[in-house]
């Protein structure tokens, strides 16, 4: 999980793995980040099983 574009660019260059969850929310409190993760748990779970997707953006 990252808030930086570096990992997305690396995945695009080198392909899979890694699977990346890109947090597009800037610096936030831990509770806010926890809420994002909990609200996107289905998409995060789907990311693991989808072989054609390397990056999930959540904000």
PDB file of N, CA and C in Angstrom:
ATOM      1  N   UNK A   1       0.852  -1.147   0.000  1.00  0.00           N
ATOM      2  CA  UNK A   1       0.000   0.000   0.000  1.00  0.00           C
ATOM      3  C   UNK A   1       0.904   1.217   0.000  1.00  0.00           C
ATOM      4  N   UNK A   2       0.550   2.214  -0.804  1.00  0.00           N
ATOM      5  CA  UNK A   2       1.397   3.385  -0.943  1.00  0.00           C
ATOM      6  C   UNK A   2       0.582   4.619  -1.241  1.00  0.00           C
ATOM      7  N   UNK A   3       1.182   5.780  -0.997  1.00  0.00           N
ATOM      8  CA  UNK A   3       0.596   7.045  -1.401  1.00  0.00           C
ATOM      9  C   UNK A   3       1.437   7.673  -2.514  1.00  0.00           C
ATOM     10  N   UNK A   4       2.433   6.966  -2.992  1.00  0.00           N
ATOM     11  CA  UNK A   4       3.353   7.504  -3.982  1.00  0.00           C
ATOM     12  C   UNK A   4       3.162   6.863  -5.347  1.00  0.00           C
ATOM     13  N   UNK A   5       3.458   7.618  -6.387  1.00  0.00           N
ATOM     14  CA  UNK A   5       3.330   7.134  -7.755  1.00  0.00           C
ATOM     15  C   UNK A   5       4.459   6.158  -8.117  1.00  0.00           C
ATOM     16  N   UNK A   6       5.552   6.149  -7.357  1.00  0.00           N
ATOM     17  CA  UNK A   6       6.719   5.324  -7.685  1.00  0.00           C
ATOM     18  C   UNK A   6       6.360   3.859  -7.897  1.00  0.00           C
ATOM     19  N   UNK A   7       5.540   3.321  -7.027  1.00  0.00           N
ATOM     20  CA  UNK A   7       5.205   1.904  -7.092  1.00  0.00           C
ATOM     21  C   UNK A   7       4.350   1.590  -8.314  1.00  0.00           C
ATOM     22  N   UNK A   8       3.432   2.507  -8.656  1.00  0.00           N
ATOM     23  CA  UNK A   8       2.618   2.321  -9.853  1.00  0.00           C
ATOM     24  C   UNK A   8       3.513   2.304 -11.088  1.00  0.00           C
ATOM     25  N   UNK A   9       4.448   3.249 -11.169  1.00  0.00           N
ATOM     26  CA  UNK A   9       5.356   3.303 -12.315  1.00  0.00           C
ATOM     27  C   UNK A   9       6.222   2.044 -12.386  1.00  0.00           C
ATOM     28  N   UNK A  10       6.663   1.566 -11.254  1.00  0.00           N
ATOM     29  CA  UNK A  10       7.473   0.342 -11.224  1.00  0.00           C
ATOM     30  C   UNK A  10       6.671  -0.859 -11.718  1.00  0.00           C
ATOM     31  N   UNK A  11       5.429  -0.969 -11.278  1.00  0.00           N
ATOM     32  CA  UNK A  11       4.579  -2.081 -11.720  1.00  0.00           C
ATOM     33  C   UNK A  11       4.320  -1.982 -13.225  1.00  0.00           C
ATOM     34  N   UNK A  12       4.125  -0.774 -13.732  1.00  0.00           N
ATOM     35  CA  UNK A  12       3.886  -0.601 -15.164  1.00  0.00           C
ATOM     36  C   UNK A  12       5.121  -0.997 -15.970  1.00  0.00           C
ATOM     37  N   UNK A  13       6.287  -0.737 -15.435  1.00  0.00           N
ATOM     38  CA  UNK A  13       7.534  -1.044 -16.130  1.00  0.00           C
ATOM     39  C   UNK A  13       7.882  -2.523 -16.064  1.00  0.00           C
ATOM     40  N   UNK A  14       7.721  -3.140 -14.901  1.00  0.00           N
ATOM     41  CA  UNK A  14       8.172  -4.518 -14.679  1.00  0.00           C
ATOM     42  C   UNK A  14       7.051  -5.553 -14.660  1.00  0.00           C
ATOM     43  N   UNK A  15       5.817  -5.103 -14.807  1.00  0.00           N
ATOM     44  CA  UNK A  15       4.626  -5.972 -14.789  1.00  0.00           C
ATOM     45  C   UNK A  15       4.424  -6.622 -13.431  1.00  0.00           C
ATOM     46  N   UNK A  16       3.601  -7.660 -13.427  1.00  0.00           N
ATOM     47  CA  UNK A  16       3.170  -8.281 -12.169  1.00  0.00           C
ATOM     48  C   UNK A  16       4.212  -9.259 -11.666  1.00  0.00           C
ATOM     49  N   UNK A  17       4.212  -9.623 -10.379  1.00  0.00           N
ATOM     50  CA  UNK A  17       3.743  -8.783  -9.309  1.00  0.00           C
ATOM     51  C   UNK A  17       4.620  -7.551  -9.166  1.00  0.00           C
ATOM     52  N   UNK A  18       4.389  -6.609  -8.379  1.00  0.00           N
ATOM     53  CA  UNK A  18       3.545  -6.605  -7.196  1.00  0.00           C
ATOM     54  C   UNK A  18       2.131  -6.096  -7.481  1.00  0.00           C
ATOM     55  N   UNK A  19       1.242  -6.389  -6.598  1.00  0.00           N
ATOM     56  CA  UNK A  19      -0.086  -5.791  -6.591  1.00  0.00           C
ATOM     57  C   UNK A  19       0.027  -4.546  -5.713  1.00  0.00           C
ATOM     58  N   UNK A  20      -0.539  -3.457  -6.179  1.00  0.00           N
ATOM     59  CA  UNK A  20      -0.376  -2.181  -5.480  1.00  0.00           C
ATOM     60  C   UNK A  20      -1.738  -1.591  -5.144  1.00  0.00           C
ATOM     61  N   UNK A  21      -1.874  -1.127  -3.927  1.00  0.00           N
ATOM     62  CA  UNK A  21      -3.034  -0.345  -3.528  1.00  0.00           C
ATOM     63  C   UNK A  21      -2.526   1.081  -3.349  1.00  0.00           C
ATOM     64  N   UNK A  22      -2.960   1.962  -4.232  1.00  0.00           N
ATOM     65  CA  UNK A  22      -2.471   3.332  -4.264  1.00  0.00           C
ATOM     66  C   UNK A  22      -3.470   4.216  -3.523  1.00  0.00           C
ATOM     67  N   UNK A  23      -3.064   4.738  -2.389  1.00  0.00           N
ATOM     68  CA  UNK A  23      -3.904   5.601  -1.568  1.00  0.00           C
ATOM     69  C   UNK A  23      -3.809   7.023  -2.118  1.00  0.00           C
ATOM     70  N   UNK A  24      -4.870   7.497  -2.763  1.00  0.00           N
ATOM     71  CA  UNK A  24      -4.872   8.819  -3.388  1.00  0.00           C
ATOM     72  C   UNK A  24      -5.582   9.836  -2.487  1.00  0.00           C
ATOM     73  N   UNK A  25      -5.128   9.935  -1.247  1.00  0.00           N
ATOM     74  CA  UNK A  25      -5.817  10.795  -0.295  1.00  0.00           C
ATOM     75  C   UNK A  25      -4.878  11.756   0.436  1.00  0.00           C
ATOM     76  N   UNK A  26      -3.596  11.722   0.133  1.00  0.00           N
ATOM     77  CA  UNK A  26      -2.663  12.581   0.852  1.00  0.00           C
ATOM     78  C   UNK A  26      -2.487  12.121   2.290  1.00  0.00           C
ATOM     79  N   UNK A  27      -1.839  12.933   3.067  1.00  0.00           N
ATOM     80  CA  UNK A  27      -1.606  12.597   4.470  1.00  0.00           C
ATOM     81  C   UNK A  27      -2.892  12.801   5.255  1.00  0.00           C
ATOM     82  N   UNK A  28      -3.347  11.723   5.876  1.00  0.00           N
ATOM     83  CA  UNK A  28      -4.589  11.749   6.642  1.00  0.00           C
ATOM     84  C   UNK A  28      -4.368  11.041   7.978  1.00  0.00           C
ATOM     85  N   UNK A  29      -5.303  11.212   8.858  1.00  0.00           N
ATOM     86  CA  UNK A  29      -5.265  10.521  10.144  1.00  0.00           C
ATOM     87  C   UNK A  29      -5.447   9.024   9.929  1.00  0.00           C
ATOM     88  N   UNK A  30      -4.944   8.257  10.874  1.00  0.00           N
ATOM     89  CA  UNK A  30      -5.030   6.802  10.809  1.00  0.00           C
ATOM     90  C   UNK A  30      -6.478   6.339  10.681  1.00  0.00           C
ATOM     91  N   UNK A  31      -7.376   6.963  11.396  1.00  0.00           N
ATOM     92  CA  UNK A  31      -8.792   6.567  11.340  1.00  0.00           C
ATOM     93  C   UNK A  31      -9.364   6.762   9.938  1.00  0.00           C
ATOM     94  N   UNK A  32      -8.952   7.812   9.252  1.00  0.00           N
ATOM     95  CA  UNK A  32      -9.423   8.055   7.887  1.00  0.00           C
ATOM     96  C   UNK A  32      -8.922   6.954   6.951  1.00  0.00           C
ATOM     97  N   UNK A  33      -7.637   6.626   7.053  1.00  0.00           N
ATOM     98  CA  UNK A  33      -7.039   5.566   6.230  1.00  0.00           C
ATOM     99  C   UNK A  33      -7.720   4.233   6.524  1.00  0.00           C
ATOM    100  N   UNK A  34      -7.961   3.955   7.790  1.00  0.00           N
ATOM    101  CA  UNK A  34      -8.653   2.720   8.160  1.00  0.00           C
ATOM    102  C   UNK A  34     -10.037   2.666   7.512  1.00  0.00           C
ATOM    103  N   UNK A  35     -10.742   3.780   7.514  1.00  0.00           N
ATOM    104  CA  UNK A  35     -12.059   3.837   6.890  1.00  0.00           C
ATOM    105  C   UNK A  35     -12.004   3.566   5.397  1.00  0.00           C
ATOM    106  N   UNK A  36     -10.993   4.132   4.725  1.00  0.00           N
ATOM    107  CA  UNK A  36     -10.828   3.873   3.293  1.00  0.00           C
ATOM    108  C   UNK A  36     -10.616   2.392   3.018  1.00  0.00           C
ATOM    109  N   UNK A  37      -9.774   1.787   3.812  1.00  0.00           N
ATOM    110  CA  UNK A  37      -9.490   0.360   3.629  1.00  0.00           C
ATOM    111  C   UNK A  37     -10.749  -0.464   3.885  1.00  0.00           C
ATOM    112  N   UNK A  38     -11.429  -0.177   4.980  1.00  0.00           N
ATOM    113  CA  UNK A  38     -12.643  -0.933   5.302  1.00  0.00           C
ATOM    114  C   UNK A  38     -13.734  -0.735   4.247  1.00  0.00           C
ATOM    115  N   UNK A  39     -13.871   0.488   3.729  1.00  0.00           N
ATOM    116  CA  UNK A  39     -14.895   0.767   2.720  1.00  0.00           C
ATOM    117  C   UNK A  39     -14.568   0.157   1.355  1.00  0.00           C
ATOM    118  N   UNK A  40     -13.322  -0.230   1.140  1.00  0.00           N
ATOM    119  CA  UNK A  40     -12.900  -0.785  -0.141  1.00  0.00           C
ATOM    120  C   UNK A  40     -12.440  -2.234  -0.029  1.00  0.00           C
ATOM    121  N   UNK A  41     -12.843  -2.910   1.033  1.00  0.00           N
ATOM    122  CA  UNK A  41     -12.368  -4.272   1.270  1.00  0.00           C
ATOM    123  C   UNK A  41     -12.732  -5.207   0.115  1.00  0.00           C
ATOM    124  N   UNK A  42     -13.896  -5.046  -0.489  1.00  0.00           N
ATOM    125  CA  UNK A  42     -14.272  -5.921  -1.608  1.00  0.00           C
ATOM    126  C   UNK A  42     -13.360  -5.697  -2.813  1.00  0.00           C
ATOM    127  N   UNK A  43     -13.077  -4.439  -3.128  1.00  0.00           N
ATOM    128  CA  UNK A  43     -12.186  -4.130  -4.259  1.00  0.00           C
ATOM    129  C   UNK A  43     -10.775  -4.631  -3.976  1.00  0.00           C
ATOM    130  N   UNK A  44     -10.335  -4.519  -2.733  1.00  0.00           N
ATOM    131  CA  UNK A  44      -9.000  -4.997  -2.357  1.00  0.00           C
ATOM    132  C   UNK A  44      -8.934  -6.512  -2.494  1.00  0.00           C
ATOM    133  N   UNK A  45      -9.972  -7.193  -2.063  1.00  0.00           N
ATOM    134  CA  UNK A  45     -10.029  -8.652  -2.184  1.00  0.00           C
ATOM    135  C   UNK A  45     -10.049  -9.065  -3.655  1.00  0.00           C
ATOM    136  N   UNK A  46     -10.813  -8.353  -4.477  1.00  0.00           N
ATOM    137  CA  UNK A  46     -10.872  -8.652  -5.910  1.00  0.00           C
ATOM    138  C   UNK A  46      -9.522  -8.427  -6.591  1.00  0.00           C
ATOM    139  N   UNK A  47      -8.766  -7.452  -6.122  1.00  0.00           N
ATOM    140  CA  UNK A  47      -7.449  -7.171  -6.696  1.00  0.00           C
ATOM    141  C   UNK A  47      -6.554  -8.400  -6.631  1.00  0.00           C
ATOM    142  N   UNK A  48      -6.608  -9.096  -5.532  1.00  0.00           N
ATOM    143  CA  UNK A  48      -5.762 -10.275  -5.346  1.00  0.00           C
ATOM    144  C   UNK A  48      -6.040 -11.350  -6.387  1.00  0.00           C
ATOM    145  N   UNK A  49      -7.304 -11.522  -6.749  1.00  0.00           N
ATOM    146  CA  UNK A  49      -7.654 -12.606  -7.666  1.00  0.00           C
ATOM    147  C   UNK A  49      -7.642 -12.210  -9.137  1.00  0.00           C
ATOM    148  N   UNK A  50      -7.603 -10.911  -9.447  1.00  0.00           N
ATOM    149  CA  UNK A  50      -7.624 -10.453 -10.840  1.00  0.00           C
ATOM    150  C   UNK A  50      -6.208 -10.400 -11.390  1.00  0.00           C
ATOM    151  N   UNK A  51      -5.897 -11.287 -12.301  1.00  0.00           N
ATOM    152  CA  UNK A  51      -4.539 -11.390 -12.843  1.00  0.00           C
ATOM    153  C   UNK A  51      -4.210 -10.270 -13.817  1.00  0.00           C
ATOM    154  N   UNK A  52      -5.209  -9.524 -14.279  1.00  0.00           N
ATOM    155  CA  UNK A  52      -4.993  -8.469 -15.272  1.00  0.00           C
ATOM    156  C   UNK A  52      -4.861  -7.079 -14.675  1.00  0.00           C
ATOM    157  N   UNK A  53      -4.945  -6.974 -13.371  1.00  0.00           N
ATOM    158  CA  UNK A  53      -4.878  -5.683 -12.706  1.00  0.00           C
ATOM    159  C   UNK A  53      -3.719  -5.679 -11.721  1.00  0.00           C
ATOM    160  N   UNK A  54      -2.880  -4.642 -11.810  1.00  0.00           N
ATOM    161  CA  UNK A  54      -1.731  -4.540 -10.924  1.00  0.00           C
ATOM    162  C   UNK A  54      -1.914  -3.469  -9.855  1.00  0.00           C
ATOM    163  N   UNK A  55      -2.807  -2.499 -10.123  1.00  0.00           N
ATOM    164  CA  UNK A  55      -2.912  -1.352  -9.225  1.00  0.00           C
ATOM    165  C   UNK A  55      -4.382  -1.018  -8.975  1.00  0.00           C
ATOM    166  N   UNK A  56      -4.709  -0.804  -7.718  1.00  0.00           N
ATOM    167  CA  UNK A  56      -6.024  -0.350  -7.304  1.00  0.00           C
ATOM    168  C   UNK A  56      -5.858   1.016  -6.674  1.00  0.00           C
ATOM    169  N   UNK A  57      -6.544   2.024  -7.209  1.00  0.00           N
ATOM    170  CA  UNK A  57      -6.513   3.360  -6.639  1.00  0.00           C
ATOM    171  C   UNK A  57      -7.733   3.552  -5.772  1.00  0.00           C
ATOM    172  N   UNK A  58      -7.509   3.990  -4.532  1.00  0.00           N
ATOM    173  CA  UNK A  58      -8.629   4.326  -3.671  1.00  0.00           C
ATOM    174  C   UNK A  58      -8.405   5.723  -3.094  1.00  0.00           C
ATOM    175  N   UNK A  59      -9.487   6.452  -2.957  1.00  0.00           N
ATOM    176  CA  UNK A  59      -9.397   7.816  -2.410  1.00  0.00           C
ATOM    177  C   UNK A  59     -10.658   8.157  -1.654  1.00  0.00           C
TER     178      UNK A  59
END
